[in-house]
Amino acid sequence: MAGLLTDPYVRHNRDGTLSSTPADYATRVCSVVAPIRGTRVDFDQLSEIDGRVWARLTLHGVNLEVGSSMSITWLSEYRIVGDQIAETWSMHQTDLDWNGGES
């Protein structure tokens, strides 16, 4: 994530606000997705206005801890500074199918 995120990078989600270095955030993301294999990330929607990017993403994969397929849908707003992500507001929901079964 070096070069993609500012230092510090700030993330807001349902668990609160986290300010971290890009390296610390990369370690956190890797630990969260470690049990997921066969992943595919779909950008379902993407918009940009005045240095803000809004995205709806869906991650599909297999959760090795429970042995079943899964999906996680995110709604995120990204504040861009220069060419890096400085801050994110994000929420996610598992097994949400907003595409009506379409991929």
PDB file of N, CA and C in Angstrom:
ATOM      1  N   MET A   1       0.808  -1.188   0.000  1.00  0.00           N
ATOM      2  CA  MET A   1       0.000   0.000   0.000  1.00  0.00           C
ATOM      3  C   MET A   1       0.855   1.258   0.000  1.00  0.00           C
ATOM      4  N   ALA A   2       2.154   1.048  -0.007  1.00  0.00           N
ATOM      5  CA  ALA A   2       3.055   2.194  -0.060  1.00  0.00           C
ATOM      6  C   ALA A   2       2.776   2.992  -1.326  1.00  0.00           C
ATOM      7  N   GLY A   3       2.642   4.282  -1.162  1.00  0.00           N
ATOM      8  CA  GLY A   3       2.346   5.141  -2.299  1.00  0.00           C
ATOM      9  C   GLY A   3       0.868   5.349  -2.543  1.00  0.00           C
ATOM     10  N   LEU A   4       0.034   4.431  -2.096  1.00  0.00           N
ATOM     11  CA  LEU A   4      -1.413   4.546  -2.295  1.00  0.00           C
ATOM     12  C   LEU A   4      -2.057   5.389  -1.199  1.00  0.00           C
ATOM     13  N   LEU A   5      -1.525   5.290   0.035  1.00  0.00           N
ATOM     14  CA  LEU A   5      -2.105   5.964   1.194  1.00  0.00           C
ATOM     15  C   LEU A   5      -1.168   7.052   1.708  1.00  0.00           C
ATOM     16  N   THR A   6      -1.760   8.129   2.258  1.00  0.00           N
ATOM     17  CA  THR A   6      -0.954   9.136   2.926  1.00  0.00           C
ATOM     18  C   THR A   6      -0.473   8.584   4.262  1.00  0.00           C
ATOM     19  N   ASP A   7       0.505   9.256   4.844  1.00  0.00           N
ATOM     20  CA  ASP A   7       0.984   8.872   6.174  1.00  0.00           C
ATOM     21  C   ASP A   7       0.853  10.084   7.084  1.00  0.00           C
ATOM     22  N   PRO A   8      -0.091  10.086   8.016  1.00  0.00           N
ATOM     23  CA  PRO A   8      -0.942   8.962   8.387  1.00  0.00           C
ATOM     24  C   PRO A   8      -2.146   8.834   7.451  1.00  0.00           C
ATOM     25  N   TYR A   9      -2.745   7.649   7.476  1.00  0.00           N
ATOM     26  CA  TYR A   9      -3.986   7.345   6.773  1.00  0.00           C
ATOM     27  C   TYR A   9      -5.063   7.200   7.847  1.00  0.00           C
ATOM     28  N   VAL A  10      -6.255   7.788   7.609  1.00  0.00           N
ATOM     29  CA  VAL A  10      -7.335   7.751   8.597  1.00  0.00           C
ATOM     30  C   VAL A  10      -8.522   6.995   8.010  1.00  0.00           C
ATOM     31  N   ARG A  11      -9.016   6.027   8.775  1.00  0.00           N
ATOM     32  CA  ARG A  11     -10.161   5.227   8.337  1.00  0.00           C
ATOM     33  C   ARG A  11     -11.250   5.279   9.398  1.00  0.00           C
ATOM     34  N   HIS A  12     -12.476   5.601   8.956  1.00  0.00           N
ATOM     35  CA  HIS A  12     -13.641   5.644   9.833  1.00  0.00           C
ATOM     36  C   HIS A  12     -14.562   4.493   9.437  1.00  0.00           C
ATOM     37  N   ASN A  13     -14.996   3.693  10.412  1.00  0.00           N
ATOM     38  CA  ASN A  13     -15.970   2.643  10.138  1.00  0.00           C
ATOM     39  C   ASN A  13     -16.783   2.380  11.399  1.00  0.00           C
ATOM     40  N   ARG A  14     -17.581   1.335  11.402  1.00  0.00           N
ATOM     41  CA  ARG A  14     -18.460   1.077  12.537  1.00  0.00           C
ATOM     42  C   ARG A  14     -17.712   0.799  13.832  1.00  0.00           C
ATOM     43  N   ASP A  15     -16.437   0.452  13.729  1.00  0.00           N
ATOM     44  CA  ASP A  15     -15.623   0.186  14.918  1.00  0.00           C
ATOM     45  C   ASP A  15     -14.956   1.446  15.461  1.00  0.00           C
ATOM     46  N   GLY A  16     -15.117   2.574  14.763  1.00  0.00           N
ATOM     47  CA  GLY A  16     -14.512   3.827  15.204  1.00  0.00           C
ATOM     48  C   GLY A  16     -13.550   4.369  14.171  1.00  0.00           C
ATOM     49  N   THR A  17     -12.633   5.199  14.639  1.00  0.00           N
ATOM     50  CA  THR A  17     -11.659   5.850  13.768  1.00  0.00           C
ATOM     51  C   THR A  17     -10.276   5.281  14.048  1.00  0.00           C
ATOM     52  N   LEU A  18      -9.553   4.960  12.983  1.00  0.00           N
ATOM     53  CA  LEU A  18      -8.212   4.413  13.078  1.00  0.00           C
ATOM     54  C   LEU A  18      -7.275   5.300  12.274  1.00  0.00           C
ATOM     55  N   SER A  19      -6.229   5.786  12.905  1.00  0.00           N
ATOM     56  CA  SER A  19      -5.188   6.534  12.214  1.00  0.00           C
ATOM     57  C   SER A  19      -3.932   5.675  12.269  1.00  0.00           C
ATOM     58  N   SER A  20      -3.365   5.376  11.102  1.00  0.00           N
ATOM     59  CA  SER A  20      -2.207   4.488  11.087  1.00  0.00           C
ATOM     60  C   SER A  20      -1.285   4.816   9.932  1.00  0.00           C
ATOM     61  N   THR A  21      -0.112   4.216   9.962  1.00  0.00           N
ATOM     62  CA  THR A  21       0.804   4.310   8.829  1.00  0.00           C
ATOM     63  C   THR A  21       0.291   3.377   7.737  1.00  0.00           C
ATOM     64  N   PRO A  22       0.672   3.613   6.498  1.00  0.00           N
ATOM     65  CA  PRO A  22       0.275   2.684   5.444  1.00  0.00           C
ATOM     66  C   PRO A  22       0.727   1.244   5.717  1.00  0.00           C
ATOM     67  N   ALA A  23       1.918   1.068   6.270  1.00  0.00           N
ATOM     68  CA  ALA A  23       2.417  -0.288   6.567  1.00  0.00           C
ATOM     69  C   ALA A  23       1.566  -0.969   7.630  1.00  0.00           C
ATOM     70  N   ASP A  24       1.207  -0.247   8.683  1.00  0.00           N
ATOM     71  CA  ASP A  24       0.359  -0.825   9.729  1.00  0.00           C
ATOM     72  C   ASP A  24      -1.016  -1.178   9.184  1.00  0.00           C
ATOM     73  N   TYR A  25      -1.553  -0.318   8.331  1.00  0.00           N
ATOM     74  CA  TYR A  25      -2.866  -0.600   7.754  1.00  0.00           C
ATOM     75  C   TYR A  25      -2.803  -1.824   6.833  1.00  0.00           C
ATOM     76  N   ALA A  26      -1.739  -1.948   6.048  1.00  0.00           N
ATOM     77  CA  ALA A  26      -1.573  -3.115   5.171  1.00  0.00           C
ATOM     78  C   ALA A  26      -1.516  -4.402   5.988  1.00  0.00           C
ATOM     79  N   THR A  27      -0.816  -4.385   7.116  1.00  0.00           N
ATOM     80  CA  THR A  27      -0.748  -5.554   7.999  1.00  0.00           C
ATOM     81  C   THR A  27      -2.134  -5.915   8.506  1.00  0.00           C
ATOM     82  N   ARG A  28      -2.905  -4.901   8.887  1.00  0.00           N
ATOM     83  CA  ARG A  28      -4.275  -5.136   9.380  1.00  0.00           C
ATOM     84  C   ARG A  28      -5.158  -5.750   8.297  1.00  0.00           C
ATOM     85  N   VAL A  29      -5.101  -5.213   7.085  1.00  0.00           N
ATOM     86  CA  VAL A  29      -5.910  -5.742   5.982  1.00  0.00           C
ATOM     87  C   VAL A  29      -5.520  -7.185   5.678  1.00  0.00           C
ATOM     88  N   CYS A  30      -4.228  -7.473   5.646  1.00  0.00           N
ATOM     89  CA  CYS A  30      -3.769  -8.843   5.373  1.00  0.00           C
ATOM     90  C   CYS A  30      -4.273  -9.830   6.413  1.00  0.00           C
ATOM     91  N   SER A  31      -4.303  -9.434   7.676  1.00  0.00           N
ATOM     92  CA  SER A  31      -4.781 -10.342   8.713  1.00  0.00           C
ATOM     93  C   SER A  31      -6.284 -10.588   8.595  1.00  0.00           C
ATOM     94  N   VAL A  32      -7.019  -9.587   8.172  1.00  0.00           N
ATOM     95  CA  VAL A  32      -8.477  -9.730   8.024  1.00  0.00           C
ATOM     96  C   VAL A  32      -8.830 -10.663   6.864  1.00  0.00           C
ATOM     97  N   VAL A  33      -8.126 -10.538   5.758  1.00  0.00           N
ATOM     98  CA  VAL A  33      -8.467 -11.342   4.575  1.00  0.00           C
ATOM     99  C   VAL A  33      -7.685 -12.656   4.488  1.00  0.00           C
ATOM    100  N   ALA A  34      -6.821 -12.936   5.460  1.00  0.00           N
ATOM    101  CA  ALA A  34      -6.002 -14.165   5.427  1.00  0.00           C
ATOM    102  C   ALA A  34      -6.817 -15.444   5.230  1.00  0.00           C
ATOM    103  N   PRO A  35      -7.977 -15.603   5.870  1.00  0.00           N
ATOM    104  CA  PRO A  35      -8.722 -16.853   5.696  1.00  0.00           C
ATOM    105  C   PRO A  35      -9.586 -16.900   4.423  1.00  0.00           C
ATOM    106  N   ILE A  36      -9.487 -15.891   3.565  1.00  0.00           N
ATOM    107  CA  ILE A  36     -10.329 -15.842   2.366  1.00  0.00           C
ATOM    108  C   ILE A  36      -9.482 -16.189   1.145  1.00  0.00           C
ATOM    109  N   ARG A  37      -9.969 -17.118   0.331  1.00  0.00           N
ATOM    110  CA  ARG A  37      -9.253 -17.539  -0.884  1.00  0.00           C
ATOM    111  C   ARG A  37     -10.174 -17.440  -2.096  1.00  0.00           C
ATOM    112  N   GLY A  38      -9.553 -17.488  -3.266  1.00  0.00           N
ATOM    113  CA  GLY A  38     -10.314 -17.441  -4.510  1.00  0.00           C
ATOM    114  C   GLY A  38     -11.047 -16.125  -4.664  1.00  0.00           C
ATOM    115  N   THR A  39     -10.404 -15.046  -4.221  1.00  0.00           N
ATOM    116  CA  THR A  39     -11.102 -13.772  -4.159  1.00  0.00           C
ATOM    117  C   THR A  39     -11.203 -13.078  -5.511  1.00  0.00           C
ATOM    118  N   ARG A  40     -12.287 -12.368  -5.626  1.00  0.00           N
ATOM    119  CA  ARG A  40     -12.529 -11.487  -6.774  1.00  0.00           C
ATOM    120  C   ARG A  40     -13.182 -10.238  -6.199  1.00  0.00           C
ATOM    121  N   VAL A  41     -12.716  -9.076  -6.609  1.00  0.00           N
ATOM    122  CA  VAL A  41     -13.324  -7.819  -6.175  1.00  0.00           C
ATOM    123  C   VAL A  41     -13.967  -7.165  -7.385  1.00  0.00           C
ATOM    124  N   ASP A  42     -15.268  -6.889  -7.260  1.00  0.00           N
ATOM    125  CA  ASP A  42     -16.008  -6.195  -8.312  1.00  0.00           C
ATOM    126  C   ASP A  42     -16.253  -4.759  -7.878  1.00  0.00           C
ATOM    127  N   PHE A  43     -15.944  -3.797  -8.744  1.00  0.00           N
ATOM    128  CA  PHE A  43     -16.331  -2.409  -8.529  1.00  0.00           C
ATOM    129  C   PHE A  43     -17.726  -2.260  -9.113  1.00  0.00           C
ATOM    130  N   ASP A  44     -18.739  -2.266  -8.247  1.00  0.00           N
ATOM    131  CA  ASP A  44     -20.122  -2.213  -8.689  1.00  0.00           C
ATOM    132  C   ASP A  44     -20.529  -0.802  -9.111  1.00  0.00           C
ATOM    133  N   GLN A  45     -19.955   0.203  -8.461  1.00  0.00           N
ATOM    134  CA  GLN A  45     -20.208   1.592  -8.796  1.00  0.00           C
ATOM    135  C   GLN A  45     -19.022   2.425  -8.354  1.00  0.00           C
ATOM    136  N   LEU A  46     -18.696   3.466  -9.137  1.00  0.00           N
ATOM    137  CA  LEU A  46     -17.566   4.319  -8.811  1.00  0.00           C
ATOM    138  C   LEU A  46     -17.872   5.725  -9.310  1.00  0.00           C
ATOM    139  N   SER A  47     -17.741   6.727  -8.418  1.00  0.00           N
ATOM    140  CA  SER A  47     -18.002   8.122  -8.776  1.00  0.00           C
ATOM    141  C   SER A  47     -16.933   8.997  -8.145  1.00  0.00           C
ATOM    142  N   GLU A  48     -16.630  10.135  -8.806  1.00  0.00           N
ATOM    143  CA  GLU A  48     -15.649  11.072  -8.269  1.00  0.00           C
ATOM    144  C   GLU A  48     -16.168  12.487  -8.451  1.00  0.00           C
ATOM    145  N   ILE A  49     -16.069  13.281  -7.372  1.00  0.00           N
ATOM    146  CA  ILE A  49     -16.430  14.698  -7.422  1.00  0.00           C
ATOM    147  C   ILE A  49     -15.484  15.449  -6.499  1.00  0.00           C
ATOM    148  N   ASP A  50     -14.773  16.435  -7.043  1.00  0.00           N
ATOM    149  CA  ASP A  50     -13.962  17.362  -6.247  1.00  0.00           C
ATOM    150  C   ASP A  50     -13.055  16.686  -5.217  1.00  0.00           C
ATOM    151  N   GLY A  51     -12.266  15.724  -5.637  1.00  0.00           N
ATOM    152  CA  GLY A  51     -11.308  15.099  -4.738  1.00  0.00           C
ATOM    153  C   GLY A  51     -11.887  14.069  -3.795  1.00  0.00           C
ATOM    154  N   ARG A  52     -13.134  13.694  -4.008  1.00  0.00           N
ATOM    155  CA  ARG A  52     -13.778  12.627  -3.228  1.00  0.00           C
ATOM    156  C   ARG A  52     -14.189  11.536  -4.206  1.00  0.00           C
ATOM    157  N   VAL A  53     -13.981  10.293  -3.794  1.00  0.00           N
ATOM    158  CA  VAL A  53     -14.381   9.138  -4.611  1.00  0.00           C
ATOM    159  C   VAL A  53     -15.340   8.297  -3.777  1.00  0.00           C
ATOM    160  N   TRP A  54     -16.451   7.915  -4.380  1.00  0.00           N
ATOM    161  CA  TRP A  54     -17.418   7.027  -3.737  1.00  0.00           C
ATOM    162  C   TRP A  54     -17.407   5.722  -4.501  1.00  0.00           C
ATOM    163  N   ALA A  55     -17.391   4.621  -3.760  1.00  0.00           N
ATOM    164  CA  ALA A  55     -17.319   3.306  -4.394  1.00  0.00           C
ATOM    165  C   ALA A  55     -18.236   2.328  -3.682  1.00  0.00           C
ATOM    166  N   ARG A  56     -18.818   1.450  -4.491  1.00  0.00           N
ATOM    167  CA  ARG A  56     -19.515   0.276  -3.963  1.00  0.00           C
ATOM    168  C   ARG A  56     -18.770  -0.915  -4.524  1.00  0.00           C
ATOM    169  N   LEU A  57     -18.174  -1.711  -3.640  1.00  0.00           N
ATOM    170  CA  LEU A  57     -17.330  -2.841  -4.020  1.00  0.00           C
ATOM    171  C   LEU A  57     -17.903  -4.118  -3.449  1.00  0.00           C
ATOM    172  N   THR A  58     -17.715  -5.219  -4.152  1.00  0.00           N
ATOM    173  CA  THR A  58     -18.102  -6.516  -3.610  1.00  0.00           C
ATOM    174  C   THR A  58     -16.929  -7.475  -3.742  1.00  0.00           C
ATOM    175  N   LEU A  59     -16.532  -8.072  -2.623  1.00  0.00           N
ATOM    176  CA  LEU A  59     -15.494  -9.088  -2.588  1.00  0.00           C
ATOM    177  C   LEU A  59     -16.183 -10.449  -2.529  1.00  0.00           C
ATOM    178  N   HIS A  60     -15.789 -11.350  -3.415  1.00  0.00           N
ATOM    179  CA  HIS A  60     -16.314 -12.714  -3.447  1.00  0.00           C
ATOM    180  C   HIS A  60     -15.160 -13.661  -3.172  1.00  0.00           C
ATOM    181  N   GLY A  61     -15.416 -14.715  -2.418  1.00  0.00           N
ATOM    182  CA  GLY A  61     -14.366 -15.682  -2.143  1.00  0.00           C
ATOM    183  C   GLY A  61     -14.890 -16.843  -1.321  1.00  0.00           C
ATOM    184  N   VAL A  62     -13.956 -17.619  -0.811  1.00  0.00           N
ATOM    185  CA  VAL A  62     -14.269 -18.758   0.053  1.00  0.00           C
ATOM    186  C   VAL A  62     -13.611 -18.507   1.400  1.00  0.00           C
ATOM    187  N   ASN A  63     -14.390 -18.575   2.459  1.00  0.00           N
ATOM    188  CA  ASN A  63     -13.870 -18.423   3.807  1.00  0.00           C
ATOM    189  C   ASN A  63     -13.377 -19.785   4.272  1.00  0.00           C
ATOM    190  N   LEU A  64     -12.064 -19.933   4.383  1.00  0.00           N
ATOM    191  CA  LEU A  64     -11.473 -21.218   4.761  1.00  0.00           C
ATOM    192  C   LEU A  64     -11.784 -21.607   6.203  1.00  0.00           C
ATOM    193  N   GLU A  65     -12.081 -20.621   7.054  1.00  0.00           N
ATOM    194  CA  GLU A  65     -12.390 -20.928   8.456  1.00  0.00           C
ATOM    195  C   GLU A  65     -13.707 -21.681   8.593  1.00  0.00           C
ATOM    196  N   VAL A  66     -14.668 -21.403   7.706  1.00  0.00           N
ATOM    197  CA  VAL A  66     -15.963 -22.081   7.783  1.00  0.00           C
ATOM    198  C   VAL A  66     -16.227 -22.966   6.562  1.00  0.00           C
ATOM    199  N   GLY A  67     -15.359 -22.862   5.539  1.00  0.00           N
ATOM    200  CA  GLY A  67     -15.471 -23.729   4.372  1.00  0.00           C
ATOM    201  C   GLY A  67     -16.636 -23.415   3.450  1.00  0.00           C
ATOM    202  N   SER A  68     -17.029 -22.159   3.364  1.00  0.00           N
ATOM    203  CA  SER A  68     -18.142 -21.825   2.476  1.00  0.00           C
ATOM    204  C   SER A  68     -17.845 -20.548   1.697  1.00  0.00           C
ATOM    205  N   SER A  69     -18.567 -20.388   0.586  1.00  0.00           N
ATOM    206  CA  SER A  69     -18.414 -19.173  -0.199  1.00  0.00           C
ATOM    207  C   SER A  69     -19.025 -18.006   0.561  1.00  0.00           C
ATOM    208  N   MET A  70     -18.513 -16.820   0.249  1.00  0.00           N
ATOM    209  CA  MET A  70     -18.989 -15.630   0.948  1.00  0.00           C
ATOM    210  C   MET A  70     -18.799 -14.417   0.055  1.00  0.00           C
ATOM    211  N   SER A  71     -19.490 -13.359   0.407  1.00  0.00           N
ATOM    212  CA  SER A  71     -19.278 -12.076  -0.256  1.00  0.00           C
ATOM    213  C   SER A  71     -19.413 -10.973   0.786  1.00  0.00           C
ATOM    214  N   ILE A  72     -18.683  -9.905   0.556  1.00  0.00           N
ATOM    215  CA  ILE A  72     -18.753  -8.729   1.421  1.00  0.00           C
ATOM    216  C   ILE A  72     -18.906  -7.522   0.507  1.00  0.00           C
ATOM    217  N   THR A  73     -19.918  -6.710   0.757  1.00  0.00           N
ATOM    218  CA  THR A  73     -20.150  -5.498  -0.015  1.00  0.00           C
ATOM    219  C   THR A  73     -19.769  -4.287   0.827  1.00  0.00           C
ATOM    220  N   TRP A  74     -19.016  -3.370   0.236  1.00  0.00           N
ATOM    221  CA  TRP A  74     -18.586  -2.144   0.904  1.00  0.00           C
ATOM    222  C   TRP A  74     -19.203  -0.932   0.236  1.00  0.00           C
ATOM    223  N   LEU A  75     -19.533   0.050   1.031  1.00  0.00           N
ATOM    224  CA  LEU A  75     -19.818   1.402   0.580  1.00  0.00           C
ATOM    225  C   LEU A  75     -18.722   2.262   1.184  1.00  0.00           C
ATOM    226  N   SER A  76     -17.996   2.981   0.364  1.00  0.00           N
ATOM    227  CA  SER A  76     -16.873   3.759   0.878  1.00  0.00           C
ATOM    228  C   SER A  76     -16.792   5.112   0.214  1.00  0.00           C
ATOM    229  N   GLU A  77     -16.355   6.078   1.000  1.00  0.00           N
ATOM    230  CA  GLU A  77     -16.018   7.405   0.492  1.00  0.00           C
ATOM    231  C   GLU A  77     -14.542   7.615   0.783  1.00  0.00           C
ATOM    232  N   TYR A  78     -13.794   8.066  -0.212  1.00  0.00           N
ATOM    233  CA  TYR A  78     -12.357   8.270  -0.079  1.00  0.00           C
ATOM    234  C   TYR A  78     -12.037   9.746  -0.304  1.00  0.00           C
ATOM    235  N   ARG A  79     -11.269  10.328   0.608  1.00  0.00           N
ATOM    236  CA  ARG A  79     -10.771  11.696   0.414  1.00  0.00           C
ATOM    237  C   ARG A  79      -9.376  11.588  -0.179  1.00  0.00           C
ATOM    238  N   ILE A  80      -9.192  12.199  -1.330  1.00  0.00           N
ATOM    239  CA  ILE A  80      -7.941  12.099  -2.073  1.00  0.00           C
ATOM    240  C   ILE A  80      -7.137  13.380  -1.873  1.00  0.00           C
ATOM    241  N   VAL A  81      -5.862  13.231  -1.558  1.00  0.00           N
ATOM    242  CA  VAL A  81      -4.933  14.345  -1.450  1.00  0.00           C
ATOM    243  C   VAL A  81      -3.791  14.054  -2.406  1.00  0.00           C
ATOM    244  N   GLY A  82      -3.598  14.922  -3.375  1.00  0.00           N
ATOM    245  CA  GLY A  82      -2.609  14.637  -4.418  1.00  0.00           C
ATOM    246  C   GLY A  82      -3.089  13.420  -5.191  1.00  0.00           C
ATOM    247  N   ASP A  83      -2.310  12.372  -5.170  1.00  0.00           N
ATOM    248  CA  ASP A  83      -2.721  11.128  -5.827  1.00  0.00           C
ATOM    249  C   ASP A  83      -2.816   9.979  -4.820  1.00  0.00           C
ATOM    250  N   GLN A  84      -3.062  10.330  -3.538  1.00  0.00           N
ATOM    251  CA  GLN A  84      -3.130   9.316  -2.490  1.00  0.00           C
ATOM    252  C   GLN A  84      -4.451   9.399  -1.714  1.00  0.00           C
ATOM    253  N   ILE A  85      -4.828   8.278  -1.125  1.00  0.00           N
ATOM    254  CA  ILE A  85      -6.007   8.228  -0.262  1.00  0.00           C
ATOM    255  C   ILE A  85      -5.582   8.678   1.130  1.00  0.00           C
ATOM    256  N   ALA A  86      -6.230   9.759   1.630  1.00  0.00           N
ATOM    257  CA  ALA A  86      -5.886  10.300   2.937  1.00  0.00           C
ATOM    258  C   ALA A  86      -6.850   9.833   4.020  1.00  0.00           C
ATOM    259  N   GLU A  87      -8.108   9.601   3.618  1.00  0.00           N
ATOM    260  CA  GLU A  87      -9.122   9.290   4.612  1.00  0.00           C
ATOM    261  C   GLU A  87     -10.243   8.504   3.942  1.00  0.00           C
ATOM    262  N   THR A  88     -10.809   7.572   4.702  1.00  0.00           N
ATOM    263  CA  THR A  88     -11.882   6.733   4.190  1.00  0.00           C
ATOM    264  C   THR A  88     -13.002   6.636   5.220  1.00  0.00           C
ATOM    265  N   TRP A  89     -14.224   6.712   4.728  1.00  0.00           N
ATOM    266  CA  TRP A  89     -15.416   6.411   5.528  1.00  0.00           C
ATOM    267  C   TRP A  89     -16.008   5.173   4.890  1.00  0.00           C
ATOM    268  N   SER A  90     -16.211   4.125   5.672  1.00  0.00           N
ATOM    269  CA  SER A  90     -16.565   2.848   5.074  1.00  0.00           C
ATOM    270  C   SER A  90     -17.534   2.067   5.948  1.00  0.00           C
ATOM    271  N   MET A  91     -18.427   1.330   5.299  1.00  0.00           N
ATOM    272  CA  MET A  91     -19.254   0.352   5.998  1.00  0.00           C
ATOM    273  C   MET A  91     -19.418  -0.844   5.081  1.00  0.00           C
ATOM    274  N   HIS A  92     -19.613  -2.017   5.685  1.00  0.00           N
ATOM    275  CA  HIS A  92     -19.721  -3.228   4.886  1.00  0.00           C
ATOM    276  C   HIS A  92     -20.822  -4.136   5.432  1.00  0.00           C
ATOM    277  N   GLN A  93     -21.250  -5.028   4.556  1.00  0.00           N
ATOM    278  CA  GLN A  93     -22.296  -5.993   4.893  1.00  0.00           C
ATOM    279  C   GLN A  93     -21.950  -7.305   4.198  1.00  0.00           C
ATOM    280  N   THR A  94     -22.039  -8.406   4.923  1.00  0.00           N
ATOM    281  CA  THR A  94     -21.778  -9.703   4.302  1.00  0.00           C
ATOM    282  C   THR A  94     -23.022 -10.203   3.578  1.00  0.00           C
ATOM    283  N   ASP A  95     -22.776 -10.946   2.509  1.00  0.00           N
ATOM    284  CA  ASP A  95     -23.809 -11.646   1.722  1.00  0.00           C
ATOM    285  C   ASP A  95     -24.961 -10.752   1.294  1.00  0.00           C
ATOM    286  N   LEU A  96     -24.649  -9.535   0.879  1.00  0.00           N
ATOM    287  CA  LEU A  96     -25.630  -8.601   0.347  1.00  0.00           C
ATOM    288  C   LEU A  96     -25.565  -8.663  -1.170  1.00  0.00           C
ATOM    289  N   ASP A  97     -26.685  -8.915  -1.831  1.00  0.00           N
ATOM    290  CA  ASP A  97     -26.733  -9.046  -3.285  1.00  0.00           C
ATOM    291  C   ASP A  97     -27.531  -7.895  -3.888  1.00  0.00           C
ATOM    292  N   TRP A  98     -26.852  -6.747  -4.100  1.00  0.00           N
ATOM    293  CA  TRP A  98     -27.506  -5.596  -4.706  1.00  0.00           C
ATOM    294  C   TRP A  98     -27.627  -5.704  -6.202  1.00  0.00           C
ATOM    295  N   ASN A  99     -26.941  -6.671  -6.789  1.00  0.00           N
ATOM    296  CA  ASN A  99     -26.974  -6.811  -8.241  1.00  0.00           C
ATOM    297  C   ASN A  99     -28.026  -7.802  -8.698  1.00  0.00           C
ATOM    298  N   GLY A 100     -28.842  -8.324  -7.805  1.00  0.00           N
ATOM    299  CA  GLY A 100     -29.882  -9.270  -8.200  1.00  0.00           C
ATOM    300  C   GLY A 100     -29.342 -10.533  -8.820  1.00  0.00           C
ATOM    301  N   GLY A 101     -28.151 -10.971  -8.355  1.00  0.00           N
ATOM    302  CA  GLY A 101     -27.566 -12.200  -8.890  1.00  0.00           C
ATOM    303  C   GLY A 101     -26.634 -11.961 -10.070  1.00  0.00           C
ATOM    304  N   GLU A 102     -26.568 -10.711 -10.568  1.00  0.00           N
ATOM    305  CA  GLU A 102     -25.675 -10.407 -11.689  1.00  0.00           C
ATOM    306  C   GLU A 102     -24.262 -10.240 -11.173  1.00  0.00           C
ATOM    307  N   SER A 103     -23.275 -10.624 -11.957  1.00  0.00           N
ATOM    308  CA  SER A 103     -21.866 -10.425 -11.570  1.00  0.00           C
ATOM    309  C   SER A 103     -21.223  -9.425 -12.452  1.00  0.00           C
TER     310      SER A 103
END
